[in-house]
Amino acid sequence: MSSPAISPSASFCPQCGSRLNTNDRFCQKCGNSLSTISQPPPAMSTRTESTVLSVGPSSENECIKEMETFGWNLHSRQEVLGHLRVAEAPDRLGQAIWRGAVEGATGKKTYEYDHYVKLHFTRNLNTPRLEEVKALEAEYFGLPYPQGPSLTWPVILTGFFAIGVLLTLFGGIPLQFLLEYLPLAGLCAWWTSKRLKRRRAATEACEQSVGRAQKIRAQVQVLIG
């Protein structure tokens, strides 16, 4: 008759090696006190979360560094060639006129495949103070970086009408055109000033976001250690 199998979790007396029952406080064979025997700690959970980001090849290293700041580890990467597309955006009116006058209107288009990298990241759910890290992470990636409006056309038109005003004053153009050029020059100057204010506001917002991003990275380093 075969003996019953011994459970892997069974305990034995460290003094005489006799098998112990679960609730024994003393060894039934040698009387050794069992109060100092410690039970093995439960296994630490290794649960993880994951996310996948698609970025351009030129932004790959920057993306990896940013994700590592918040406790993410790069698990795998995959380069992908997507759909065929026109490489350059269509010319705006001024660009089209310049291209047609200088380069000739050839009508040629350049095509290329979308080229990007899929990055698979994982993060241990036992990361210290994870909820605080997640809150800072959401704020970090939500920081605004607005782009100011272009000044190209406001400056060109302001200069054009300002030159017209000067030519009428110095006799190059009949004086009657002054009533047309002067208000147009003033309107374009006002347009330029409005765009300059928006560009300054965008620049200030970007500077504030950069400063806040640096503080967030420092806070996360303290939390994660």
N, C-alpha and C. Protein backbone atom coordinates (compact mmCIF):
# COMPACT_ATOMS: atom_id res chain seq x y z
N MET A 1 0.85 -1.18 0.00
CA MET A 1 0.00 0.00 0.00
C MET A 1 0.89 1.25 0.00
N SER A 2 0.66 2.15 -0.90
CA SER A 2 1.52 3.33 -1.04
C SER A 2 1.16 4.36 0.01
N SER A 3 2.19 5.14 0.46
CA SER A 3 1.97 6.18 1.47
C SER A 3 1.36 7.39 0.80
N PRO A 4 0.56 8.17 1.58
CA PRO A 4 -0.05 9.36 1.01
C PRO A 4 0.99 10.39 0.61
N ALA A 5 0.71 11.12 -0.45
CA ALA A 5 1.64 12.13 -0.93
C ALA A 5 1.73 13.27 0.07
N ILE A 6 2.94 13.79 0.23
CA ILE A 6 3.17 14.90 1.15
C ILE A 6 2.95 16.20 0.41
N SER A 7 2.16 17.07 1.00
CA SER A 7 1.87 18.36 0.37
C SER A 7 3.14 19.19 0.28
N PRO A 8 3.37 19.91 -0.83
CA PRO A 8 4.57 20.75 -0.94
C PRO A 8 4.62 21.83 0.12
N SER A 9 3.45 22.18 0.68
CA SER A 9 3.43 23.25 1.67
C SER A 9 3.52 22.74 3.10
N ALA A 10 3.76 21.40 3.30
CA ALA A 10 3.83 20.83 4.64
C ALA A 10 5.03 21.39 5.39
N SER A 11 4.90 21.53 6.75
CA SER A 11 5.98 22.06 7.59
C SER A 11 6.61 20.93 8.39
N PHE A 12 7.89 21.13 8.73
CA PHE A 12 8.63 20.12 9.49
C PHE A 12 9.38 20.83 10.61
N CYS A 13 9.56 20.13 11.68
CA CYS A 13 10.27 20.67 12.83
C CYS A 13 11.73 20.91 12.48
N PRO A 14 12.23 22.10 12.73
CA PRO A 14 13.64 22.38 12.42
C PRO A 14 14.61 21.67 13.34
N GLN A 15 14.09 21.12 14.49
CA GLN A 15 14.98 20.46 15.45
C GLN A 15 15.15 18.98 15.14
N CYS A 16 14.01 18.27 14.94
CA CYS A 16 14.11 16.82 14.74
C CYS A 16 13.64 16.37 13.36
N GLY A 17 13.02 17.26 12.60
CA GLY A 17 12.59 16.92 11.26
C GLY A 17 11.25 16.25 11.18
N SER A 18 10.54 16.14 12.29
CA SER A 18 9.23 15.49 12.26
C SER A 18 8.22 16.40 11.56
N ARG A 19 7.24 15.73 10.93
CA ARG A 19 6.20 16.49 10.24
C ARG A 19 5.27 17.15 11.26
N LEU A 20 4.85 18.38 10.96
CA LEU A 20 4.01 19.15 11.87
C LEU A 20 2.62 19.32 11.29
N ASN A 21 1.65 19.43 12.19
CA ASN A 21 0.29 19.78 11.78
C ASN A 21 0.17 21.30 11.65
N THR A 22 -0.87 21.73 11.00
CA THR A 22 -1.01 23.15 10.70
C THR A 22 -1.05 24.02 11.94
N ASN A 23 -1.77 23.61 12.98
CA ASN A 23 -1.96 24.45 14.17
C ASN A 23 -1.04 24.11 15.33
N ASP A 24 -0.03 23.27 15.11
CA ASP A 24 0.88 22.88 16.19
C ASP A 24 1.71 24.07 16.66
N ARG A 25 1.77 24.22 17.99
CA ARG A 25 2.62 25.25 18.58
C ARG A 25 3.92 24.66 19.12
N PHE A 26 3.91 23.30 19.35
CA PHE A 26 5.10 22.58 19.79
C PHE A 26 5.21 21.30 18.98
N CYS A 27 6.45 20.86 18.77
CA CYS A 27 6.66 19.59 18.06
C CYS A 27 6.18 18.46 18.96
N GLN A 28 5.33 17.57 18.43
CA GLN A 28 4.77 16.47 19.23
C GLN A 28 5.80 15.41 19.55
N LYS A 29 6.94 15.43 18.88
CA LYS A 29 7.96 14.41 19.12
C LYS A 29 9.05 14.90 20.08
N CYS A 30 9.61 16.12 19.82
CA CYS A 30 10.71 16.60 20.65
C CYS A 30 10.32 17.76 21.55
N GLY A 31 9.13 18.33 21.37
CA GLY A 31 8.66 19.42 22.22
C GLY A 31 9.23 20.79 21.87
N ASN A 32 9.91 20.90 20.74
CA ASN A 32 10.49 22.19 20.35
C ASN A 32 9.39 23.23 20.08
N SER A 33 9.62 24.47 20.59
CA SER A 33 8.65 25.54 20.36
C SER A 33 8.69 25.96 18.89
N LEU A 34 7.49 26.13 18.33
CA LEU A 34 7.38 26.45 16.90
C LEU A 34 6.97 27.90 16.66
N SER A 35 6.96 28.73 17.70
CA SER A 35 6.47 30.10 17.55
C SER A 35 7.40 30.97 16.71
N THR A 36 8.67 30.55 16.59
CA THR A 36 9.64 31.37 15.86
C THR A 36 9.70 30.99 14.39
N ILE A 37 8.98 29.96 13.99
CA ILE A 37 9.01 29.53 12.58
C ILE A 37 8.16 30.49 11.77
N SER A 38 8.74 31.11 10.82
CA SER A 38 8.01 32.09 9.99
C SER A 38 7.53 31.42 8.72
N GLN A 39 6.37 31.82 8.31
CA GLN A 39 5.81 31.31 7.06
C GLN A 39 6.39 32.10 5.89
N PRO A 40 6.58 31.46 4.75
CA PRO A 40 7.13 32.16 3.60
C PRO A 40 6.15 33.25 3.13
N PRO A 41 6.67 34.43 2.74
CA PRO A 41 5.80 35.52 2.30
C PRO A 41 5.10 35.16 1.00
N PRO A 42 3.90 35.68 0.82
CA PRO A 42 3.21 35.38 -0.43
C PRO A 42 3.96 35.96 -1.62
N ALA A 43 3.82 35.29 -2.74
CA ALA A 43 4.51 35.72 -3.95
C ALA A 43 4.00 37.09 -4.39
N MET A 44 4.92 37.97 -4.78
CA MET A 44 4.57 39.30 -5.22
C MET A 44 3.89 39.24 -6.59
N SER A 45 2.81 39.97 -6.72
CA SER A 45 2.09 40.00 -7.99
C SER A 45 2.93 40.68 -9.06
N THR A 46 2.90 40.13 -10.25
CA THR A 46 3.66 40.70 -11.37
C THR A 46 2.72 41.15 -12.47
N ARG A 47 1.52 41.59 -12.09
CA ARG A 47 0.57 42.07 -13.10
C ARG A 47 1.11 43.33 -13.76
N THR A 48 0.87 43.46 -15.05
CA THR A 48 1.34 44.61 -15.80
C THR A 48 0.23 45.18 -16.65
N GLU A 49 0.40 46.42 -17.07
CA GLU A 49 -0.47 47.03 -18.06
C GLU A 49 0.38 47.35 -19.28
N SER A 50 -0.27 47.51 -20.42
CA SER A 50 0.48 47.74 -21.65
C SER A 50 -0.20 48.79 -22.51
N THR A 51 0.57 49.39 -23.39
CA THR A 51 0.04 50.36 -24.33
C THR A 51 0.91 50.33 -25.59
N VAL A 52 0.34 50.73 -26.71
CA VAL A 52 1.05 50.76 -27.99
C VAL A 52 0.95 52.16 -28.56
N LEU A 53 2.09 52.72 -28.95
CA LEU A 53 2.15 54.05 -29.56
C LEU A 53 2.75 53.95 -30.95
N SER A 54 2.24 54.74 -31.87
CA SER A 54 2.77 54.81 -33.23
C SER A 54 3.40 56.19 -33.42
N VAL A 55 4.69 56.21 -33.74
CA VAL A 55 5.41 57.48 -33.90
C VAL A 55 6.28 57.41 -35.15
N GLY A 56 6.70 58.59 -35.61
CA GLY A 56 7.63 58.65 -36.72
C GLY A 56 9.01 58.20 -36.28
N PRO A 57 9.82 57.67 -37.20
CA PRO A 57 11.16 57.19 -36.83
C PRO A 57 12.01 58.26 -36.15
N SER A 58 11.86 59.51 -36.55
CA SER A 58 12.67 60.58 -35.97
C SER A 58 12.28 60.89 -34.53
N SER A 59 11.07 60.50 -34.12
CA SER A 59 10.59 60.78 -32.76
C SER A 59 10.69 59.57 -31.84
N GLU A 60 11.23 58.47 -32.34
CA GLU A 60 11.21 57.22 -31.58
C GLU A 60 11.97 57.33 -30.26
N ASN A 61 13.21 57.80 -30.31
CA ASN A 61 14.03 57.86 -29.09
C ASN A 61 13.43 58.80 -28.06
N GLU A 62 12.92 59.93 -28.51
CA GLU A 62 12.29 60.89 -27.58
C GLU A 62 11.07 60.28 -26.92
N CYS A 63 10.28 59.54 -27.69
CA CYS A 63 9.08 58.89 -27.14
C CYS A 63 9.47 57.86 -26.09
N ILE A 64 10.49 57.06 -26.36
CA ILE A 64 10.92 56.03 -25.41
C ILE A 64 11.38 56.66 -24.10
N LYS A 65 12.14 57.75 -24.18
CA LYS A 65 12.63 58.42 -22.97
C LYS A 65 11.46 58.97 -22.15
N GLU A 66 10.48 59.57 -22.84
CA GLU A 66 9.33 60.13 -22.13
C GLU A 66 8.55 59.03 -21.42
N MET A 67 8.34 57.90 -22.10
CA MET A 67 7.58 56.81 -21.49
C MET A 67 8.33 56.19 -20.32
N GLU A 68 9.65 56.07 -20.44
CA GLU A 68 10.45 55.51 -19.34
C GLU A 68 10.37 56.40 -18.10
N THR A 69 10.18 57.70 -18.30
CA THR A 69 10.04 58.62 -17.17
C THR A 69 8.90 58.22 -16.26
N PHE A 70 7.81 57.68 -16.85
CA PHE A 70 6.62 57.33 -16.09
C PHE A 70 6.53 55.83 -15.80
N GLY A 71 7.67 55.15 -15.82
CA GLY A 71 7.72 53.75 -15.40
C GLY A 71 7.43 52.74 -16.49
N TRP A 72 7.26 53.19 -17.73
CA TRP A 72 7.01 52.24 -18.83
C TRP A 72 8.33 51.67 -19.33
N ASN A 73 8.30 50.42 -19.76
CA ASN A 73 9.46 49.75 -20.33
C ASN A 73 9.13 49.30 -21.75
N LEU A 74 10.06 49.52 -22.66
CA LEU A 74 9.84 49.11 -24.05
C LEU A 74 9.86 47.59 -24.13
N HIS A 75 8.75 47.02 -24.60
CA HIS A 75 8.63 45.58 -24.71
C HIS A 75 9.01 45.10 -26.11
N SER A 76 8.56 45.82 -27.12
CA SER A 76 8.89 45.45 -28.50
C SER A 76 8.65 46.65 -29.41
N ARG A 77 9.21 46.60 -30.60
CA ARG A 77 9.02 47.65 -31.60
C ARG A 77 8.83 47.01 -32.97
N GLN A 78 8.10 47.70 -33.83
CA GLN A 78 7.84 47.18 -35.16
C GLN A 78 7.78 48.35 -36.15
N GLU A 79 8.60 48.27 -37.18
CA GLU A 79 8.55 49.30 -38.22
C GLU A 79 7.46 48.93 -39.22
N VAL A 80 6.70 49.94 -39.63
CA VAL A 80 5.53 49.71 -40.48
C VAL A 80 5.59 50.66 -41.67
N LEU A 81 5.32 50.14 -42.86
CA LEU A 81 5.12 50.94 -44.06
C LEU A 81 3.63 50.94 -44.35
N GLY A 82 3.03 52.11 -44.27
CA GLY A 82 1.58 52.21 -44.43
C GLY A 82 1.17 52.49 -45.87
N HIS A 83 0.14 53.33 -46.02
CA HIS A 83 -0.42 53.60 -47.34
C HIS A 83 0.46 54.57 -48.12
N LEU A 84 0.37 54.49 -49.43
CA LEU A 84 1.06 55.42 -50.32
C LEU A 84 0.34 56.76 -50.27
N ARG A 85 1.12 57.85 -50.15
CA ARG A 85 0.51 59.18 -50.05
C ARG A 85 1.39 60.19 -50.75
N VAL A 86 0.82 61.38 -51.00
CA VAL A 86 1.59 62.48 -51.56
C VAL A 86 2.55 62.98 -50.49
N ALA A 87 3.82 63.12 -50.85
CA ALA A 87 4.84 63.45 -49.86
C ALA A 87 4.70 64.86 -49.34
N GLU A 88 4.31 65.81 -50.19
CA GLU A 88 4.22 67.20 -49.78
C GLU A 88 2.79 67.69 -49.88
N ALA A 89 2.43 68.60 -48.98
CA ALA A 89 1.10 69.20 -49.04
C ALA A 89 1.01 70.10 -50.27
N PRO A 90 -0.17 70.30 -50.83
CA PRO A 90 -0.31 71.18 -52.00
C PRO A 90 0.16 72.59 -51.68
N ASP A 91 0.71 73.27 -52.68
CA ASP A 91 1.18 74.64 -52.49
C ASP A 91 0.03 75.58 -52.17
N ARG A 92 0.30 76.56 -51.31
CA ARG A 92 -0.64 77.65 -51.14
C ARG A 92 -0.52 78.58 -52.34
N LEU A 93 -1.38 79.57 -52.40
CA LEU A 93 -1.44 80.44 -53.58
C LEU A 93 -0.09 81.10 -53.86
N GLY A 94 0.50 81.71 -52.84
CA GLY A 94 1.78 82.39 -53.04
C GLY A 94 2.87 81.43 -53.47
N GLN A 95 2.93 80.24 -52.86
CA GLN A 95 3.93 79.24 -53.23
C GLN A 95 3.72 78.78 -54.66
N ALA A 96 2.46 78.60 -55.06
CA ALA A 96 2.17 78.14 -56.41
C ALA A 96 2.60 79.17 -57.44
N ILE A 97 2.36 80.46 -57.16
CA ILE A 97 2.77 81.51 -58.09
C ILE A 97 4.29 81.54 -58.21
N TRP A 98 4.97 81.45 -57.07
CA TRP A 98 6.44 81.46 -57.08
C TRP A 98 6.99 80.24 -57.80
N ARG A 99 6.44 79.07 -57.53
CA ARG A 99 6.93 77.85 -58.18
C ARG A 99 6.71 77.92 -59.69
N GLY A 100 5.54 78.43 -60.07
CA GLY A 100 5.25 78.52 -61.50
C GLY A 100 6.15 79.51 -62.21
N ALA A 101 6.48 80.62 -61.53
CA ALA A 101 7.32 81.64 -62.16
C ALA A 101 8.79 81.26 -62.20
N VAL A 102 9.28 80.64 -61.13
CA VAL A 102 10.71 80.36 -61.02
C VAL A 102 11.08 78.96 -61.51
N GLU A 103 10.31 77.96 -61.08
CA GLU A 103 10.66 76.58 -61.40
C GLU A 103 9.91 76.05 -62.60
N GLY A 104 8.82 76.70 -62.94
CA GLY A 104 8.00 76.16 -64.03
C GLY A 104 6.93 75.24 -63.47
N ALA A 105 5.72 75.37 -63.96
CA ALA A 105 4.61 74.57 -63.47
C ALA A 105 4.65 73.19 -64.11
N THR A 106 5.41 72.28 -63.53
CA THR A 106 5.57 70.95 -64.12
C THR A 106 4.42 70.03 -63.78
N GLY A 107 3.76 70.27 -62.65
CA GLY A 107 2.64 69.41 -62.26
C GLY A 107 3.08 68.09 -61.69
N LYS A 108 4.37 67.91 -61.39
CA LYS A 108 4.85 66.64 -60.86
C LYS A 108 4.52 66.52 -59.38
N LYS A 109 4.25 65.30 -58.93
CA LYS A 109 3.98 65.02 -57.54
C LYS A 109 4.89 63.91 -57.05
N THR A 110 5.29 64.01 -55.80
CA THR A 110 6.14 62.98 -55.19
C THR A 110 5.31 62.15 -54.24
N TYR A 111 5.44 60.83 -54.35
CA TYR A 111 4.68 59.92 -53.50
C TYR A 111 5.64 59.13 -52.62
N GLU A 112 5.18 58.78 -51.44
CA GLU A 112 5.96 57.93 -50.55
C GLU A 112 5.01 57.19 -49.61
N TYR A 113 5.52 56.11 -49.01
CA TYR A 113 4.72 55.35 -48.06
C TYR A 113 4.81 55.98 -46.67
N ASP A 114 3.70 55.92 -45.96
CA ASP A 114 3.73 56.32 -44.55
C ASP A 114 4.69 55.38 -43.81
N HIS A 115 5.68 55.94 -43.17
CA HIS A 115 6.67 55.14 -42.44
C HIS A 115 6.59 55.51 -40.97
N TYR A 116 6.25 54.56 -40.14
CA TYR A 116 6.15 54.83 -38.71
C TYR A 116 6.58 53.60 -37.92
N VAL A 117 6.72 53.78 -36.62
CA VAL A 117 7.19 52.71 -35.73
C VAL A 117 6.13 52.48 -34.65
N LYS A 118 5.74 51.23 -34.46
CA LYS A 118 4.82 50.86 -33.38
C LYS A 118 5.65 50.41 -32.18
N LEU A 119 5.48 51.10 -31.07
CA LEU A 119 6.22 50.80 -29.85
C LEU A 119 5.26 50.21 -28.81
N HIS A 120 5.60 49.03 -28.33
CA HIS A 120 4.78 48.35 -27.32
C HIS A 120 5.46 48.50 -25.97
N PHE A 121 4.77 49.17 -25.03
CA PHE A 121 5.32 49.40 -23.70
C PHE A 121 4.53 48.62 -22.65
N THR A 122 5.20 48.22 -21.59
CA THR A 122 4.54 47.58 -20.44
C THR A 122 4.98 48.30 -19.17
N ARG A 123 4.11 48.25 -18.14
CA ARG A 123 4.42 48.87 -16.85
C ARG A 123 3.91 47.98 -15.73
N ASN A 124 4.73 47.78 -14.73
CA ASN A 124 4.37 46.96 -13.57
C ASN A 124 3.33 47.70 -12.74
N LEU A 125 2.24 47.02 -12.43
CA LEU A 125 1.18 47.64 -11.63
C LEU A 125 1.58 47.80 -10.17
N ASN A 126 2.73 47.27 -9.79
CA ASN A 126 3.25 47.48 -8.43
C ASN A 126 4.20 48.67 -8.37
N THR A 127 4.23 49.47 -9.43
CA THR A 127 5.06 50.67 -9.42
C THR A 127 4.66 51.56 -8.24
N PRO A 128 5.62 52.05 -7.46
CA PRO A 128 5.29 52.88 -6.29
C PRO A 128 4.41 54.07 -6.64
N ARG A 129 3.37 54.27 -5.84
CA ARG A 129 2.46 55.41 -5.96
C ARG A 129 1.98 55.59 -7.40
N LEU A 130 1.50 54.51 -7.96
CA LEU A 130 1.15 54.47 -9.38
C LEU A 130 0.04 55.46 -9.72
N GLU A 131 -0.95 55.61 -8.85
CA GLU A 131 -2.06 56.51 -9.17
C GLU A 131 -1.58 57.95 -9.30
N GLU A 132 -0.65 58.36 -8.43
CA GLU A 132 -0.11 59.71 -8.54
C GLU A 132 0.71 59.86 -9.81
N VAL A 133 1.45 58.81 -10.16
CA VAL A 133 2.24 58.83 -11.39
C VAL A 133 1.32 58.96 -12.61
N LYS A 134 0.20 58.23 -12.60
CA LYS A 134 -0.74 58.30 -13.71
C LYS A 134 -1.34 59.69 -13.85
N ALA A 135 -1.65 60.33 -12.74
CA ALA A 135 -2.22 61.67 -12.79
C ALA A 135 -1.23 62.66 -13.39
N LEU A 136 0.04 62.56 -12.98
CA LEU A 136 1.06 63.44 -13.55
C LEU A 136 1.31 63.12 -15.01
N GLU A 137 1.23 61.84 -15.35
CA GLU A 137 1.42 61.43 -16.74
C GLU A 137 0.35 62.02 -17.65
N ALA A 138 -0.91 61.98 -17.20
CA ALA A 138 -2.00 62.55 -17.98
C ALA A 138 -1.82 64.06 -18.17
N GLU A 139 -1.38 64.74 -17.10
CA GLU A 139 -1.15 66.18 -17.22
C GLU A 139 0.01 66.46 -18.18
N TYR A 140 1.06 65.66 -18.09
CA TYR A 140 2.25 65.86 -18.92
C TYR A 140 1.91 65.77 -20.40
N PHE A 141 1.21 64.71 -20.79
CA PHE A 141 0.90 64.51 -22.20
C PHE A 141 -0.27 65.38 -22.67
N GLY A 142 -0.91 66.09 -21.74
CA GLY A 142 -1.99 66.99 -22.12
C GLY A 142 -1.57 68.45 -22.16
N LEU A 143 -0.29 68.74 -21.90
CA LEU A 143 0.18 70.11 -21.91
C LEU A 143 0.05 70.72 -23.31
N PRO A 144 -0.43 71.97 -23.40
CA PRO A 144 -0.63 72.59 -24.72
C PRO A 144 0.67 73.16 -25.29
N TYR A 145 0.87 72.96 -26.59
CA TYR A 145 1.99 73.56 -27.31
C TYR A 145 1.43 74.21 -28.58
N PRO A 146 0.69 75.33 -28.42
CA PRO A 146 0.05 75.94 -29.59
C PRO A 146 1.06 76.53 -30.56
N GLN A 147 0.68 76.54 -31.82
CA GLN A 147 1.52 77.12 -32.87
C GLN A 147 0.93 78.45 -33.31
N GLY A 148 1.74 79.48 -33.31
CA GLY A 148 1.26 80.80 -33.69
C GLY A 148 0.94 80.89 -35.17
N PRO A 149 0.07 81.84 -35.56
CA PRO A 149 -0.29 82.00 -36.97
C PRO A 149 0.86 82.55 -37.79
N SER A 150 0.81 82.33 -39.07
CA SER A 150 1.85 82.82 -39.98
C SER A 150 1.74 84.33 -40.16
N LEU A 151 2.90 84.98 -40.32
CA LEU A 151 2.94 86.42 -40.57
C LEU A 151 3.24 86.74 -42.04
N THR A 152 3.35 85.72 -42.86
CA THR A 152 3.81 85.92 -44.24
C THR A 152 2.94 86.91 -44.99
N TRP A 153 1.65 86.59 -45.11
CA TRP A 153 0.78 87.45 -45.90
C TRP A 153 0.51 88.81 -45.27
N PRO A 154 0.28 88.91 -43.97
CA PRO A 154 0.11 90.24 -43.38
C PRO A 154 1.31 91.15 -43.62
N VAL A 155 2.53 90.61 -43.47
CA VAL A 155 3.73 91.43 -43.67
C VAL A 155 3.88 91.81 -45.14
N ILE A 156 3.64 90.88 -46.05
CA ILE A 156 3.78 91.17 -47.48
C ILE A 156 2.79 92.26 -47.91
N LEU A 157 1.54 92.11 -47.51
CA LEU A 157 0.53 93.09 -47.92
C LEU A 157 0.74 94.44 -47.26
N THR A 158 1.17 94.42 -45.98
CA THR A 158 1.47 95.70 -45.32
C THR A 158 2.59 96.42 -46.04
N GLY A 159 3.64 95.70 -46.37
CA GLY A 159 4.76 96.31 -47.09
C GLY A 159 4.34 96.83 -48.45
N PHE A 160 3.51 96.05 -49.16
CA PHE A 160 3.07 96.45 -50.50
C PHE A 160 2.31 97.77 -50.46
N PHE A 161 1.31 97.85 -49.56
CA PHE A 161 0.51 99.07 -49.51
C PHE A 161 1.29 100.24 -48.89
N ALA A 162 2.23 99.94 -47.98
CA ALA A 162 3.06 101.01 -47.42
C ALA A 162 3.94 101.61 -48.51
N ILE A 163 4.48 100.77 -49.39
CA ILE A 163 5.28 101.28 -50.51
C ILE A 163 4.41 102.13 -51.43
N GLY A 164 3.16 101.68 -51.64
CA GLY A 164 2.24 102.47 -52.46
C GLY A 164 1.99 103.85 -51.86
N VAL A 165 1.85 103.91 -50.54
CA VAL A 165 1.64 105.20 -49.88
C VAL A 165 2.85 106.10 -50.09
N LEU A 166 4.06 105.54 -49.92
CA LEU A 166 5.28 106.35 -50.10
C LEU A 166 5.42 106.85 -51.53
N LEU A 167 5.09 105.99 -52.49
CA LEU A 167 5.21 106.41 -53.89
C LEU A 167 4.23 107.52 -54.24
N THR A 168 3.03 107.46 -53.64
CA THR A 168 2.08 108.55 -53.91
C THR A 168 2.53 109.85 -53.26
N LEU A 169 3.17 109.77 -52.10
CA LEU A 169 3.63 110.98 -51.42
C LEU A 169 4.81 111.63 -52.14
N PHE A 170 5.64 110.80 -52.75
CA PHE A 170 6.84 111.34 -53.41
C PHE A 170 6.69 111.45 -54.93
N GLY A 171 5.46 111.30 -55.41
CA GLY A 171 5.19 111.57 -56.81
C GLY A 171 5.37 110.41 -57.76
N GLY A 172 5.67 109.26 -57.26
CA GLY A 172 5.83 108.12 -58.17
C GLY A 172 4.50 107.61 -58.69
N ILE A 173 3.44 107.79 -57.92
CA ILE A 173 2.09 107.35 -58.28
C ILE A 173 1.16 108.55 -58.08
N PRO A 174 0.16 108.70 -58.95
CA PRO A 174 -0.77 109.82 -58.77
C PRO A 174 -1.32 109.89 -57.35
N LEU A 175 -1.45 111.11 -56.83
CA LEU A 175 -1.86 111.32 -55.44
C LEU A 175 -3.25 110.77 -55.14
N GLN A 176 -4.06 110.61 -56.15
CA GLN A 176 -5.43 110.13 -55.92
C GLN A 176 -5.46 108.71 -55.35
N PHE A 177 -4.39 107.95 -55.59
CA PHE A 177 -4.35 106.57 -55.08
C PHE A 177 -4.05 106.52 -53.57
N LEU A 178 -3.65 107.69 -53.01
CA LEU A 178 -3.34 107.70 -51.58
C LEU A 178 -4.56 107.32 -50.75
N LEU A 179 -5.75 107.74 -51.18
CA LEU A 179 -6.98 107.42 -50.44
C LEU A 179 -7.28 105.92 -50.45
N GLU A 180 -6.71 105.20 -51.41
CA GLU A 180 -6.90 103.74 -51.46
C GLU A 180 -5.80 103.01 -50.69
N TYR A 181 -4.55 103.41 -50.90
CA TYR A 181 -3.42 102.71 -50.29
C TYR A 181 -3.34 102.92 -48.78
N LEU A 182 -3.65 104.15 -48.33
CA LEU A 182 -3.47 104.45 -46.92
C LEU A 182 -4.37 103.62 -46.01
N PRO A 183 -5.70 103.51 -46.27
CA PRO A 183 -6.52 102.66 -45.39
C PRO A 183 -6.16 101.19 -45.50
N LEU A 184 -5.78 100.74 -46.70
CA LEU A 184 -5.39 99.33 -46.86
C LEU A 184 -4.10 99.04 -46.10
N ALA A 185 -3.16 99.97 -46.15
CA ALA A 185 -1.91 99.78 -45.40
C ALA A 185 -2.20 99.74 -43.89
N GLY A 186 -3.11 100.61 -43.42
CA GLY A 186 -3.47 100.60 -42.01
C GLY A 186 -4.17 99.32 -41.60
N LEU A 187 -5.06 98.82 -42.47
CA LEU A 187 -5.77 97.57 -42.18
C LEU A 187 -4.80 96.40 -42.10
N CYS A 188 -3.85 96.35 -43.03
CA CYS A 188 -2.88 95.24 -43.02
C CYS A 188 -1.94 95.34 -41.82
N ALA A 189 -1.61 96.58 -41.42
CA ALA A 189 -0.77 96.75 -40.23
C ALA A 189 -1.50 96.26 -38.99
N TRP A 190 -2.81 96.55 -38.90
CA TRP A 190 -3.61 96.06 -37.78
C TRP A 190 -3.67 94.54 -37.80
N TRP A 191 -3.82 93.95 -39.00
CA TRP A 191 -3.84 92.50 -39.14
C TRP A 191 -2.53 91.90 -38.64
N THR A 192 -1.42 92.54 -39.03
CA THR A 192 -0.10 92.05 -38.59
C THR A 192 0.03 92.11 -37.07
N SER A 193 -0.43 93.22 -36.47
CA SER A 193 -0.30 93.36 -35.02
C SER A 193 -1.13 92.31 -34.29
N LYS A 194 -2.32 92.00 -34.82
CA LYS A 194 -3.15 90.97 -34.18
C LYS A 194 -2.47 89.62 -34.22
N ARG A 195 -1.86 89.30 -35.35
CA ARG A 195 -1.17 88.01 -35.45
C ARG A 195 0.08 87.97 -34.58
N LEU A 196 0.75 89.10 -34.45
CA LEU A 196 1.92 89.15 -33.57
C LEU A 196 1.52 88.86 -32.13
N LYS A 197 0.38 89.40 -31.69
CA LYS A 197 -0.09 89.14 -30.33
C LYS A 197 -0.40 87.65 -30.14
N ARG A 198 -1.03 87.04 -31.13
CA ARG A 198 -1.35 85.62 -31.03
C ARG A 198 -0.09 84.76 -31.03
N ARG A 199 0.91 85.17 -31.79
CA ARG A 199 2.18 84.43 -31.79
C ARG A 199 2.88 84.55 -30.44
N ARG A 200 2.86 85.75 -29.86
CA ARG A 200 3.48 85.92 -28.54
C ARG A 200 2.76 85.09 -27.48
N ALA A 201 1.41 85.06 -27.57
CA ALA A 201 0.65 84.25 -26.62
C ALA A 201 0.97 82.77 -26.77
N ALA A 202 1.12 82.32 -28.02
CA ALA A 202 1.46 80.92 -28.27
C ALA A 202 2.85 80.60 -27.74
N THR A 203 3.79 81.53 -27.93
CA THR A 203 5.15 81.31 -27.44
C THR A 203 5.17 81.23 -25.92
N GLU A 204 4.42 82.12 -25.24
CA GLU A 204 4.36 82.09 -23.78
C GLU A 204 3.73 80.80 -23.28
N ALA A 205 2.68 80.32 -23.98
CA ALA A 205 2.03 79.06 -23.57
C ALA A 205 3.00 77.89 -23.71
N CYS A 206 3.79 77.89 -24.78
CA CYS A 206 4.76 76.81 -24.98
C CYS A 206 5.85 76.85 -23.90
N GLU A 207 6.31 78.05 -23.55
CA GLU A 207 7.33 78.17 -22.51
C GLU A 207 6.80 77.69 -21.17
N GLN A 208 5.55 78.02 -20.86
CA GLN A 208 4.95 77.55 -19.61
C GLN A 208 4.81 76.03 -19.60
N SER A 209 4.45 75.45 -20.75
CA SER A 209 4.31 73.99 -20.83
C SER A 209 5.66 73.31 -20.65
N VAL A 210 6.70 73.90 -21.25
CA VAL A 210 8.04 73.32 -21.10
C VAL A 210 8.47 73.34 -19.63
N GLY A 211 8.23 74.47 -18.96
CA GLY A 211 8.59 74.57 -17.54
C GLY A 211 7.81 73.59 -16.69
N ARG A 212 6.51 73.46 -16.95
CA ARG A 212 5.69 72.53 -16.18
C ARG A 212 6.11 71.09 -16.45
N ALA A 213 6.48 70.78 -17.69
CA ALA A 213 6.92 69.42 -18.03
C ALA A 213 8.17 69.04 -17.26
N GLN A 214 9.10 69.98 -17.11
CA GLN A 214 10.31 69.71 -16.33
C GLN A 214 9.98 69.42 -14.87
N LYS A 215 9.04 70.19 -14.30
CA LYS A 215 8.65 69.96 -12.91
C LYS A 215 7.96 68.61 -12.74
N ILE A 216 7.14 68.23 -13.72
CA ILE A 216 6.45 66.93 -13.64
C ILE A 216 7.45 65.79 -13.66
N ARG A 217 8.44 65.88 -14.56
CA ARG A 217 9.46 64.81 -14.61
C ARG A 217 10.20 64.69 -13.29
N ALA A 218 10.51 65.84 -12.68
CA ALA A 218 11.19 65.80 -11.38
C ALA A 218 10.30 65.17 -10.32
N GLN A 219 9.01 65.49 -10.32
CA GLN A 219 8.08 64.92 -9.34
C GLN A 219 7.97 63.42 -9.50
N VAL A 220 7.91 62.95 -10.75
CA VAL A 220 7.78 61.51 -10.99
C VAL A 220 9.03 60.77 -10.54
N GLN A 221 10.20 61.36 -10.75
CA GLN A 221 11.44 60.72 -10.30
C GLN A 221 11.44 60.54 -8.80
N VAL A 222 10.89 61.52 -8.06
CA VAL A 222 10.80 61.40 -6.61
C VAL A 222 9.82 60.30 -6.21
N LEU A 223 8.70 60.21 -6.94
CA LEU A 223 7.67 59.21 -6.59
C LEU A 223 8.17 57.79 -6.87
N ILE A 224 8.77 57.59 -8.04
CA ILE A 224 9.20 56.24 -8.42
C ILE A 224 10.52 55.88 -7.73
N GLY A 225 11.39 56.88 -7.57
CA GLY A 225 12.66 56.60 -6.92
C GLY A 225 13.71 56.08 -7.87
